[in-house]
Amino acid sequence: MRKNVAFERSLNLMYDALDKYQETHRRAYGSPIGADGVLGDQWIAAVRALAGLLDGETGELDCGAFDHKLRDLAETAGFTRDFEDVP
């Protein structure tokens, strides 16, 4: 087994959970989670936290590509690529 594969796997699972949550919100309410003034704030805080974890142990994860994927996810969810609210 590759060294520290558990870190890589954990980061990917966290990403998948955030993606699933925002998609479930979109299907349930017909709008992106970024439009929700309560849940959106908490969701994007979790995305920021996940981005911060890229400064730690990541196994062999391509952190640049993963960061790009996080920014795409934020944009899809109604935030900017800098993890801020869209005015």
PDB file of N, CA and C in Angstrom:
ATOM      1  N   MET A   1       0.853  -1.182   0.000  1.00  0.00           N
ATOM      2  CA  MET A   1       0.000   0.000   0.000  1.00  0.00           C
ATOM      3  C   MET A   1       0.895   1.240   0.000  1.00  0.00           C
ATOM      4  N   ARG A   2       0.483   2.238  -0.768  1.00  0.00           N
ATOM      5  CA  ARG A   2       1.237   3.487  -0.834  1.00  0.00           C
ATOM      6  C   ARG A   2       1.262   4.165   0.532  1.00  0.00           C
ATOM      7  N   LYS A   3       2.296   4.916   0.770  1.00  0.00           N
ATOM      8  CA  LYS A   3       2.445   5.644   2.026  1.00  0.00           C
ATOM      9  C   LYS A   3       1.341   6.695   2.153  1.00  0.00           C
ATOM     10  N   ASN A   4       0.702   6.704   3.292  1.00  0.00           N
ATOM     11  CA  ASN A   4      -0.304   7.715   3.643  1.00  0.00           C
ATOM     12  C   ASN A   4      -1.500   7.760   2.687  1.00  0.00           C
ATOM     13  N   VAL A   5      -1.847   6.630   2.087  1.00  0.00           N
ATOM     14  CA  VAL A   5      -2.999   6.579   1.201  1.00  0.00           C
ATOM     15  C   VAL A   5      -4.284   6.946   1.957  1.00  0.00           C
ATOM     16  N   ALA A   6      -4.303   6.721   3.264  1.00  0.00           N
ATOM     17  CA  ALA A   6      -5.500   7.040   4.053  1.00  0.00           C
ATOM     18  C   ALA A   6      -5.794   8.539   4.049  1.00  0.00           C
ATOM     19  N   PHE A   7      -4.755   9.366   4.036  1.00  0.00           N
ATOM     20  CA  PHE A   7      -4.989  10.812   3.975  1.00  0.00           C
ATOM     21  C   PHE A   7      -5.637  11.188   2.648  1.00  0.00           C
ATOM     22  N   GLU A   8      -5.097  10.663   1.576  1.00  0.00           N
ATOM     23  CA  GLU A   8      -5.639  10.934   0.244  1.00  0.00           C
ATOM     24  C   GLU A   8      -7.095  10.487   0.155  1.00  0.00           C
ATOM     25  N   ARG A   9      -7.351   9.302   0.634  1.00  0.00           N
ATOM     26  CA  ARG A   9      -8.712   8.755   0.601  1.00  0.00           C
ATOM     27  C   ARG A   9      -9.663   9.622   1.427  1.00  0.00           C
ATOM     28  N   SER A  10      -9.214  10.048   2.594  1.00  0.00           N
ATOM     29  CA  SER A  10     -10.052  10.872   3.471  1.00  0.00           C
ATOM     30  C   SER A  10     -10.410  12.202   2.824  1.00  0.00           C
ATOM     31  N   LEU A  11      -9.437  12.850   2.200  1.00  0.00           N
ATOM     32  CA  LEU A  11      -9.702  14.117   1.531  1.00  0.00           C
ATOM     33  C   LEU A  11     -10.711  13.940   0.397  1.00  0.00           C
ATOM     34  N   ASN A  12     -10.568  12.861  -0.355  1.00  0.00           N
ATOM     35  CA  ASN A  12     -11.518  12.600  -1.440  1.00  0.00           C
ATOM     36  C   ASN A  12     -12.916  12.308  -0.911  1.00  0.00           C
ATOM     37  N   LEU A  13     -13.013  11.599   0.197  1.00  0.00           N
ATOM     38  CA  LEU A  13     -14.323  11.329   0.793  1.00  0.00           C
ATOM     39  C   LEU A  13     -14.982  12.623   1.283  1.00  0.00           C
ATOM     40  N   MET A  14     -14.187  13.506   1.852  1.00  0.00           N
ATOM     41  CA  MET A  14     -14.728  14.789   2.314  1.00  0.00           C
ATOM     42  C   MET A  14     -15.250  15.596   1.122  1.00  0.00           C
ATOM     43  N   TYR A  15     -14.488  15.613   0.054  1.00  0.00           N
ATOM     44  CA  TYR A  15     -14.928  16.312  -1.158  1.00  0.00           C
ATOM     45  C   TYR A  15     -16.250  15.713  -1.663  1.00  0.00           C
ATOM     46  N   ASP A  16     -16.289  14.406  -1.756  1.00  0.00           N
ATOM     47  CA  ASP A  16     -17.494  13.740  -2.259  1.00  0.00           C
ATOM     48  C   ASP A  16     -18.711  14.062  -1.389  1.00  0.00           C
ATOM     49  N   ALA A  17     -18.521  14.115  -0.068  1.00  0.00           N
ATOM     50  CA  ALA A  17     -19.625  14.434   0.841  1.00  0.00           C
ATOM     51  C   ALA A  17     -20.117  15.862   0.617  1.00  0.00           C
ATOM     52  N   LEU A  18     -19.213  16.812   0.449  1.00  0.00           N
ATOM     53  CA  LEU A  18     -19.607  18.201   0.198  1.00  0.00           C
ATOM     54  C   LEU A  18     -20.327  18.334  -1.133  1.00  0.00           C
ATOM     55  N   ASP A  19     -19.839  17.628  -2.132  1.00  0.00           N
ATOM     56  CA  ASP A  19     -20.484  17.653  -3.443  1.00  0.00           C
ATOM     57  C   ASP A  19     -21.885  17.059  -3.366  1.00  0.00           C
ATOM     58  N   LYS A  20     -22.010  15.933  -2.701  1.00  0.00           N
ATOM     59  CA  LYS A  20     -23.324  15.288  -2.576  1.00  0.00           C
ATOM     60  C   LYS A  20     -24.298  16.185  -1.810  1.00  0.00           C
ATOM     61  N   TYR A  21     -23.819  16.833  -0.744  1.00  0.00           N
ATOM     62  CA  TYR A  21     -24.690  17.692   0.057  1.00  0.00           C
ATOM     63  C   TYR A  21     -25.202  18.868  -0.775  1.00  0.00           C
ATOM     64  N   GLN A  22     -24.321  19.518  -1.529  1.00  0.00           N
ATOM     65  CA  GLN A  22     -24.774  20.670  -2.312  1.00  0.00           C
ATOM     66  C   GLN A  22     -25.723  20.242  -3.417  1.00  0.00           C
ATOM     67  N   GLU A  23     -25.496  19.081  -3.991  1.00  0.00           N
ATOM     68  CA  GLU A  23     -26.392  18.589  -5.041  1.00  0.00           C
ATOM     69  C   GLU A  23     -27.745  18.188  -4.457  1.00  0.00           C
ATOM     70  N   THR A  24     -27.752  17.584  -3.295  1.00  0.00           N
ATOM     71  CA  THR A  24     -29.006  17.225  -2.625  1.00  0.00           C
ATOM     72  C   THR A  24     -29.793  18.476  -2.286  1.00  0.00           C
ATOM     73  N   HIS A  25     -29.119  19.515  -1.819  1.00  0.00           N
ATOM     74  CA  HIS A  25     -29.776  20.799  -1.520  1.00  0.00           C
ATOM     75  C   HIS A  25     -30.397  21.376  -2.789  1.00  0.00           C
ATOM     76  N   ARG A  26     -29.647  21.349  -3.888  1.00  0.00           N
ATOM     77  CA  ARG A  26     -30.148  21.892  -5.157  1.00  0.00           C
ATOM     78  C   ARG A  26     -31.413  21.152  -5.601  1.00  0.00           C
ATOM     79  N   ARG A  27     -31.402  19.835  -5.491  1.00  0.00           N
ATOM     80  CA  ARG A  27     -32.575  19.047  -5.899  1.00  0.00           C
ATOM     81  C   ARG A  27     -33.759  19.299  -4.963  1.00  0.00           C
ATOM     82  N   ALA A  28     -33.501  19.431  -3.671  1.00  0.00           N
ATOM     83  CA  ALA A  28     -34.577  19.604  -2.694  1.00  0.00           C
ATOM     84  C   ALA A  28     -35.208  20.988  -2.765  1.00  0.00           C
ATOM     85  N   TYR A  29     -34.402  22.024  -2.992  1.00  0.00           N
ATOM     86  CA  TYR A  29     -34.901  23.396  -2.902  1.00  0.00           C
ATOM     87  C   TYR A  29     -34.890  24.158  -4.217  1.00  0.00           C
ATOM     88  N   GLY A  30     -34.323  23.564  -5.255  1.00  0.00           N
ATOM     89  CA  GLY A  30     -34.341  24.201  -6.560  1.00  0.00           C
ATOM     90  C   GLY A  30     -33.403  25.386  -6.696  1.00  0.00           C
ATOM     91  N   SER A  31     -32.456  25.514  -5.796  1.00  0.00           N
ATOM     92  CA  SER A  31     -31.480  26.595  -5.866  1.00  0.00           C
ATOM     93  C   SER A  31     -30.154  26.109  -5.296  1.00  0.00           C
ATOM     94  N   PRO A  32     -29.068  26.764  -5.694  1.00  0.00           N
ATOM     95  CA  PRO A  32     -27.771  26.336  -5.166  1.00  0.00           C
ATOM     96  C   PRO A  32     -27.651  26.641  -3.678  1.00  0.00           C
ATOM     97  N   ILE A  33     -26.841  25.877  -2.996  1.00  0.00           N
ATOM     98  CA  ILE A  33     -26.683  26.069  -1.560  1.00  0.00           C
ATOM     99  C   ILE A  33     -26.117  27.451  -1.242  1.00  0.00           C
ATOM    100  N   GLY A  34     -25.407  28.049  -2.186  1.00  0.00           N
ATOM    101  CA  GLY A  34     -24.886  29.398  -1.989  1.00  0.00           C
ATOM    102  C   GLY A  34     -25.976  30.438  -1.809  1.00  0.00           C
ATOM    103  N   ALA A  35     -27.180  30.139  -2.261  1.00  0.00           N
ATOM    104  CA  ALA A  35     -28.307  31.059  -2.101  1.00  0.00           C
ATOM    105  C   ALA A  35     -28.963  30.936  -0.729  1.00  0.00           C
ATOM    106  N   ASP A  36     -28.590  29.924   0.028  1.00  0.00           N
ATOM    107  CA  ASP A  36     -29.154  29.702   1.362  1.00  0.00           C
ATOM    108  C   ASP A  36     -28.289  30.445   2.372  1.00  0.00           C
ATOM    109  N   GLY A  37     -28.859  31.486   2.980  1.00  0.00           N
ATOM    110  CA  GLY A  37     -28.117  32.361   3.877  1.00  0.00           C
ATOM    111  C   GLY A  37     -27.658  31.719   5.169  1.00  0.00           C
ATOM    112  N   VAL A  38     -28.165  30.558   5.500  1.00  0.00           N
ATOM    113  CA  VAL A  38     -27.746  29.869   6.720  1.00  0.00           C
ATOM    114  C   VAL A  38     -26.864  28.671   6.357  1.00  0.00           C
ATOM    115  N   LEU A  39     -27.421  27.729   5.634  1.00  0.00           N
ATOM    116  CA  LEU A  39     -26.670  26.519   5.289  1.00  0.00           C
ATOM    117  C   LEU A  39     -25.499  26.806   4.353  1.00  0.00           C
ATOM    118  N   GLY A  40     -25.680  27.769   3.470  1.00  0.00           N
ATOM    119  CA  GLY A  40     -24.598  28.108   2.546  1.00  0.00           C
ATOM    120  C   GLY A  40     -23.347  28.549   3.271  1.00  0.00           C
ATOM    121  N   ASP A  41     -23.526  29.363   4.316  1.00  0.00           N
ATOM    122  CA  ASP A  41     -22.372  29.827   5.090  1.00  0.00           C
ATOM    123  C   ASP A  41     -21.618  28.666   5.722  1.00  0.00           C
ATOM    124  N   GLN A  42     -22.355  27.705   6.234  1.00  0.00           N
ATOM    125  CA  GLN A  42     -21.716  26.548   6.877  1.00  0.00           C
ATOM    126  C   GLN A  42     -21.062  25.637   5.851  1.00  0.00           C
ATOM    127  N   TRP A  43     -21.719  25.463   4.715  1.00  0.00           N
ATOM    128  CA  TRP A  43     -21.178  24.597   3.669  1.00  0.00           C
ATOM    129  C   TRP A  43     -19.863  25.157   3.136  1.00  0.00           C
ATOM    130  N   ILE A  44     -19.827  26.455   2.831  1.00  0.00           N
ATOM    131  CA  ILE A  44     -18.602  27.030   2.278  1.00  0.00           C
ATOM    132  C   ILE A  44     -17.492  27.065   3.329  1.00  0.00           C
ATOM    133  N   ALA A  45     -17.851  27.159   4.607  1.00  0.00           N
ATOM    134  CA  ALA A  45     -16.838  27.075   5.666  1.00  0.00           C
ATOM    135  C   ALA A  45     -16.181  25.694   5.649  1.00  0.00           C
ATOM    136  N   ALA A  46     -16.964  24.670   5.386  1.00  0.00           N
ATOM    137  CA  ALA A  46     -16.422  23.311   5.293  1.00  0.00           C
ATOM    138  C   ALA A  46     -15.514  23.184   4.065  1.00  0.00           C
ATOM    139  N   VAL A  47     -15.882  23.825   2.971  1.00  0.00           N
ATOM    140  CA  VAL A  47     -15.045  23.806   1.765  1.00  0.00           C
ATOM    141  C   VAL A  47     -13.721  24.509   2.052  1.00  0.00           C
ATOM    142  N   ARG A  48     -13.787  25.664   2.719  1.00  0.00           N
ATOM    143  CA  ARG A  48     -12.553  26.380   3.078  1.00  0.00           C
ATOM    144  C   ARG A  48     -11.666  25.506   3.981  1.00  0.00           C
ATOM    145  N   ALA A  49     -12.294  24.826   4.924  1.00  0.00           N
ATOM    146  CA  ALA A  49     -11.542  23.961   5.833  1.00  0.00           C
ATOM    147  C   ALA A  49     -10.871  22.831   5.062  1.00  0.00           C
ATOM    148  N   LEU A  50     -11.578  22.241   4.120  1.00  0.00           N
ATOM    149  CA  LEU A  50     -10.993  21.180   3.306  1.00  0.00           C
ATOM    150  C   LEU A  50      -9.818  21.729   2.501  1.00  0.00           C
ATOM    151  N   ALA A  51      -9.962  22.916   1.946  1.00  0.00           N
ATOM    152  CA  ALA A  51      -8.851  23.537   1.221  1.00  0.00           C
ATOM    153  C   ALA A  51      -7.654  23.727   2.156  1.00  0.00           C
ATOM    154  N   GLY A  52      -7.901  24.103   3.397  1.00  0.00           N
ATOM    155  CA  GLY A  52      -6.830  24.280   4.369  1.00  0.00           C
ATOM    156  C   GLY A  52      -6.109  22.989   4.698  1.00  0.00           C
ATOM    157  N   LEU A  53      -6.827  21.884   4.654  1.00  0.00           N
ATOM    158  CA  LEU A  53      -6.196  20.590   4.933  1.00  0.00           C
ATOM    159  C   LEU A  53      -5.172  20.205   3.869  1.00  0.00           C
ATOM    160  N   LEU A  54      -5.232  20.837   2.718  1.00  0.00           N
ATOM    161  CA  LEU A  54      -4.256  20.552   1.666  1.00  0.00           C
ATOM    162  C   LEU A  54      -2.854  21.014   2.064  1.00  0.00           C
ATOM    163  N   ASP A  55      -2.751  21.812   3.127  1.00  0.00           N
ATOM    164  CA  ASP A  55      -1.447  22.235   3.645  1.00  0.00           C
ATOM    165  C   ASP A  55      -0.837  21.165   4.543  1.00  0.00           C
ATOM    166  N   GLY A  56      -1.591  20.107   4.832  1.00  0.00           N
ATOM    167  CA  GLY A  56      -1.100  19.025   5.682  1.00  0.00           C
ATOM    168  C   GLY A  56      -0.745  17.802   4.861  1.00  0.00           C
ATOM    169  N   GLU A  57      -0.809  16.661   5.490  1.00  0.00           N
ATOM    170  CA  GLU A  57      -0.486  15.395   4.826  1.00  0.00           C
ATOM    171  C   GLU A  57      -1.582  15.058   3.817  1.00  0.00           C
ATOM    172  N   THR A  58      -1.186  14.753   2.595  1.00  0.00           N
ATOM    173  CA  THR A  58      -2.163  14.473   1.538  1.00  0.00           C
ATOM    174  C   THR A  58      -1.854  13.196   0.762  1.00  0.00           C
ATOM    175  N   GLY A  59      -0.906  12.425   1.236  1.00  0.00           N
ATOM    176  CA  GLY A  59      -0.534  11.241   0.473  1.00  0.00           C
ATOM    177  C   GLY A  59       0.081  11.666  -0.848  1.00  0.00           C
ATOM    178  N   GLU A  60      -0.351  11.051  -1.921  1.00  0.00           N
ATOM    179  CA  GLU A  60       0.157  11.397  -3.250  1.00  0.00           C
ATOM    180  C   GLU A  60      -0.860  12.214  -4.044  1.00  0.00           C
ATOM    181  N   LEU A  61      -1.779  12.837  -3.344  1.00  0.00           N
ATOM    182  CA  LEU A  61      -2.808  13.659  -3.986  1.00  0.00           C
ATOM    183  C   LEU A  61      -2.168  14.825  -4.728  1.00  0.00           C
ATOM    184  N   ASP A  62      -2.636  15.108  -5.916  1.00  0.00           N
ATOM    185  CA  ASP A  62      -2.206  16.288  -6.662  1.00  0.00           C
ATOM    186  C   ASP A  62      -2.975  17.474  -6.084  1.00  0.00           C
ATOM    187  N   CYS A  63      -2.340  18.189  -5.163  1.00  0.00           N
ATOM    188  CA  CYS A  63      -3.041  19.247  -4.425  1.00  0.00           C
ATOM    189  C   CYS A  63      -3.479  20.392  -5.329  1.00  0.00           C
ATOM    190  N   GLY A  64      -2.710  20.694  -6.368  1.00  0.00           N
ATOM    191  CA  GLY A  64      -3.103  21.752  -7.299  1.00  0.00           C
ATOM    192  C   GLY A  64      -4.393  21.395  -8.023  1.00  0.00           C
ATOM    193  N   ALA A  65      -4.473  20.177  -8.509  1.00  0.00           N
ATOM    194  CA  ALA A  65      -5.682  19.725  -9.203  1.00  0.00           C
ATOM    195  C   ALA A  65      -6.861  19.631  -8.239  1.00  0.00           C
ATOM    196  N   PHE A  66      -6.594  19.188  -7.010  1.00  0.00           N
ATOM    197  CA  PHE A  66      -7.664  19.074  -6.016  1.00  0.00           C
ATOM    198  C   PHE A  66      -8.189  20.451  -5.643  1.00  0.00           C
ATOM    199  N   ASP A  67      -7.292  21.422  -5.467  1.00  0.00           N
ATOM    200  CA  ASP A  67      -7.697  22.793  -5.170  1.00  0.00           C
ATOM    201  C   ASP A  67      -8.564  23.347  -6.299  1.00  0.00           C
ATOM    202  N   HIS A  68      -8.167  23.089  -7.526  1.00  0.00           N
ATOM    203  CA  HIS A  68      -8.952  23.536  -8.683  1.00  0.00           C
ATOM    204  C   HIS A  68     -10.352  22.911  -8.652  1.00  0.00           C
ATOM    205  N   LYS A  69     -10.403  21.638  -8.314  1.00  0.00           N
ATOM    206  CA  LYS A  69     -11.684  20.929  -8.230  1.00  0.00           C
ATOM    207  C   LYS A  69     -12.565  21.528  -7.127  1.00  0.00           C
ATOM    208  N   LEU A  70     -11.953  21.911  -6.007  1.00  0.00           N
ATOM    209  CA  LEU A  70     -12.718  22.559  -4.931  1.00  0.00           C
ATOM    210  C   LEU A  70     -13.288  23.897  -5.389  1.00  0.00           C
ATOM    211  N   ARG A  71     -12.506  24.646  -6.132  1.00  0.00           N
ATOM    212  CA  ARG A  71     -12.971  25.951  -6.621  1.00  0.00           C
ATOM    213  C   ARG A  71     -14.087  25.780  -7.651  1.00  0.00           C
ATOM    214  N   ASP A  72     -13.999  24.751  -8.474  1.00  0.00           N
ATOM    215  CA  ASP A  72     -15.098  24.434  -9.395  1.00  0.00           C
ATOM    216  C   ASP A  72     -16.365  24.103  -8.615  1.00  0.00           C
ATOM    217  N   LEU A  73     -16.215  23.318  -7.557  1.00  0.00           N
ATOM    218  CA  LEU A  73     -17.360  22.936  -6.732  1.00  0.00           C
ATOM    219  C   LEU A  73     -18.005  24.163  -6.101  1.00  0.00           C
ATOM    220  N   ALA A  74     -17.190  25.059  -5.564  1.00  0.00           N
ATOM    221  CA  ALA A  74     -17.717  26.285  -4.952  1.00  0.00           C
ATOM    222  C   ALA A  74     -18.502  27.095  -5.975  1.00  0.00           C
ATOM    223  N   GLU A  75     -17.962  27.213  -7.166  1.00  0.00           N
ATOM    224  CA  GLU A  75     -18.626  27.979  -8.226  1.00  0.00           C
ATOM    225  C   GLU A  75     -19.962  27.337  -8.612  1.00  0.00           C
ATOM    226  N   THR A  76     -19.982  26.030  -8.723  1.00  0.00           N
ATOM    227  CA  THR A  76     -21.208  25.304  -9.034  1.00  0.00           C
ATOM    228  C   THR A  76     -22.270  25.528  -7.963  1.00  0.00           C
ATOM    229  N   ALA A  77     -21.813  25.672  -6.722  1.00  0.00           N
ATOM    230  CA  ALA A  77     -22.725  25.818  -5.583  1.00  0.00           C
ATOM    231  C   ALA A  77     -23.165  27.264  -5.348  1.00  0.00           C
ATOM    232  N   GLY A  78     -22.718  28.188  -6.200  1.00  0.00           N
ATOM    233  CA  GLY A  78     -23.176  29.569  -6.089  1.00  0.00           C
ATOM    234  C   GLY A  78     -22.229  30.503  -5.365  1.00  0.00           C
ATOM    235  N   PHE A  79     -20.968  30.110  -5.235  1.00  0.00           N
ATOM    236  CA  PHE A  79     -19.955  30.956  -4.613  1.00  0.00           C
ATOM    237  C   PHE A  79     -18.917  31.338  -5.663  1.00  0.00           C
ATOM    238  N   THR A  80     -18.011  32.242  -5.296  1.00  0.00           N
ATOM    239  CA  THR A  80     -16.917  32.574  -6.207  1.00  0.00           C
ATOM    240  C   THR A  80     -15.839  31.500  -6.092  1.00  0.00           C
ATOM    241  N   ARG A  81     -14.881  31.565  -6.987  1.00  0.00           N
ATOM    242  CA  ARG A  81     -13.763  30.626  -6.961  1.00  0.00           C
ATOM    243  C   ARG A  81     -12.832  30.896  -5.791  1.00  0.00           C
ATOM    244  N   ASP A  82     -13.033  32.032  -5.118  1.00  0.00           N
ATOM    245  CA  ASP A  82     -12.271  32.361  -3.907  1.00  0.00           C
ATOM    246  C   ASP A  82     -13.068  32.023  -2.642  1.00  0.00           C
ATOM    247  N   PHE A  83     -14.129  31.224  -2.799  1.00  0.00           N
ATOM    248  CA  PHE A  83     -14.955  30.747  -1.690  1.00  0.00           C
ATOM    249  C   PHE A  83     -15.713  31.883  -0.995  1.00  0.00           C
ATOM    250  N   GLU A  84     -16.129  32.869  -1.764  1.00  0.00           N
ATOM    251  CA  GLU A  84     -16.899  33.989  -1.212  1.00  0.00           C
ATOM    252  C   GLU A  84     -18.310  33.958  -1.781  1.00  0.00           C
ATOM    253  N   ASP A  85     -19.203  34.682  -1.103  1.00  0.00           N
ATOM    254  CA  ASP A  85     -20.577  34.818  -1.597  1.00  0.00           C
ATOM    255  C   ASP A  85     -20.585  35.573  -2.916  1.00  0.00           C
ATOM    256  N   VAL A  86     -21.483  35.218  -3.774  1.00  0.00           N
ATOM    257  CA  VAL A  86     -21.687  35.953  -5.022  1.00  0.00           C
ATOM    258  C   VAL A  86     -22.634  37.114  -4.708  1.00  0.00           C
ATOM    259  N   PRO A  87     -22.237  38.332  -5.079  1.00  0.00           N
ATOM    260  CA  PRO A  87     -23.096  39.494  -4.754  1.00  0.00           C
ATOM    261  C   PRO A  87     -24.425  39.455  -5.485  1.00  0.00           C
TER     262      PRO A  87
END
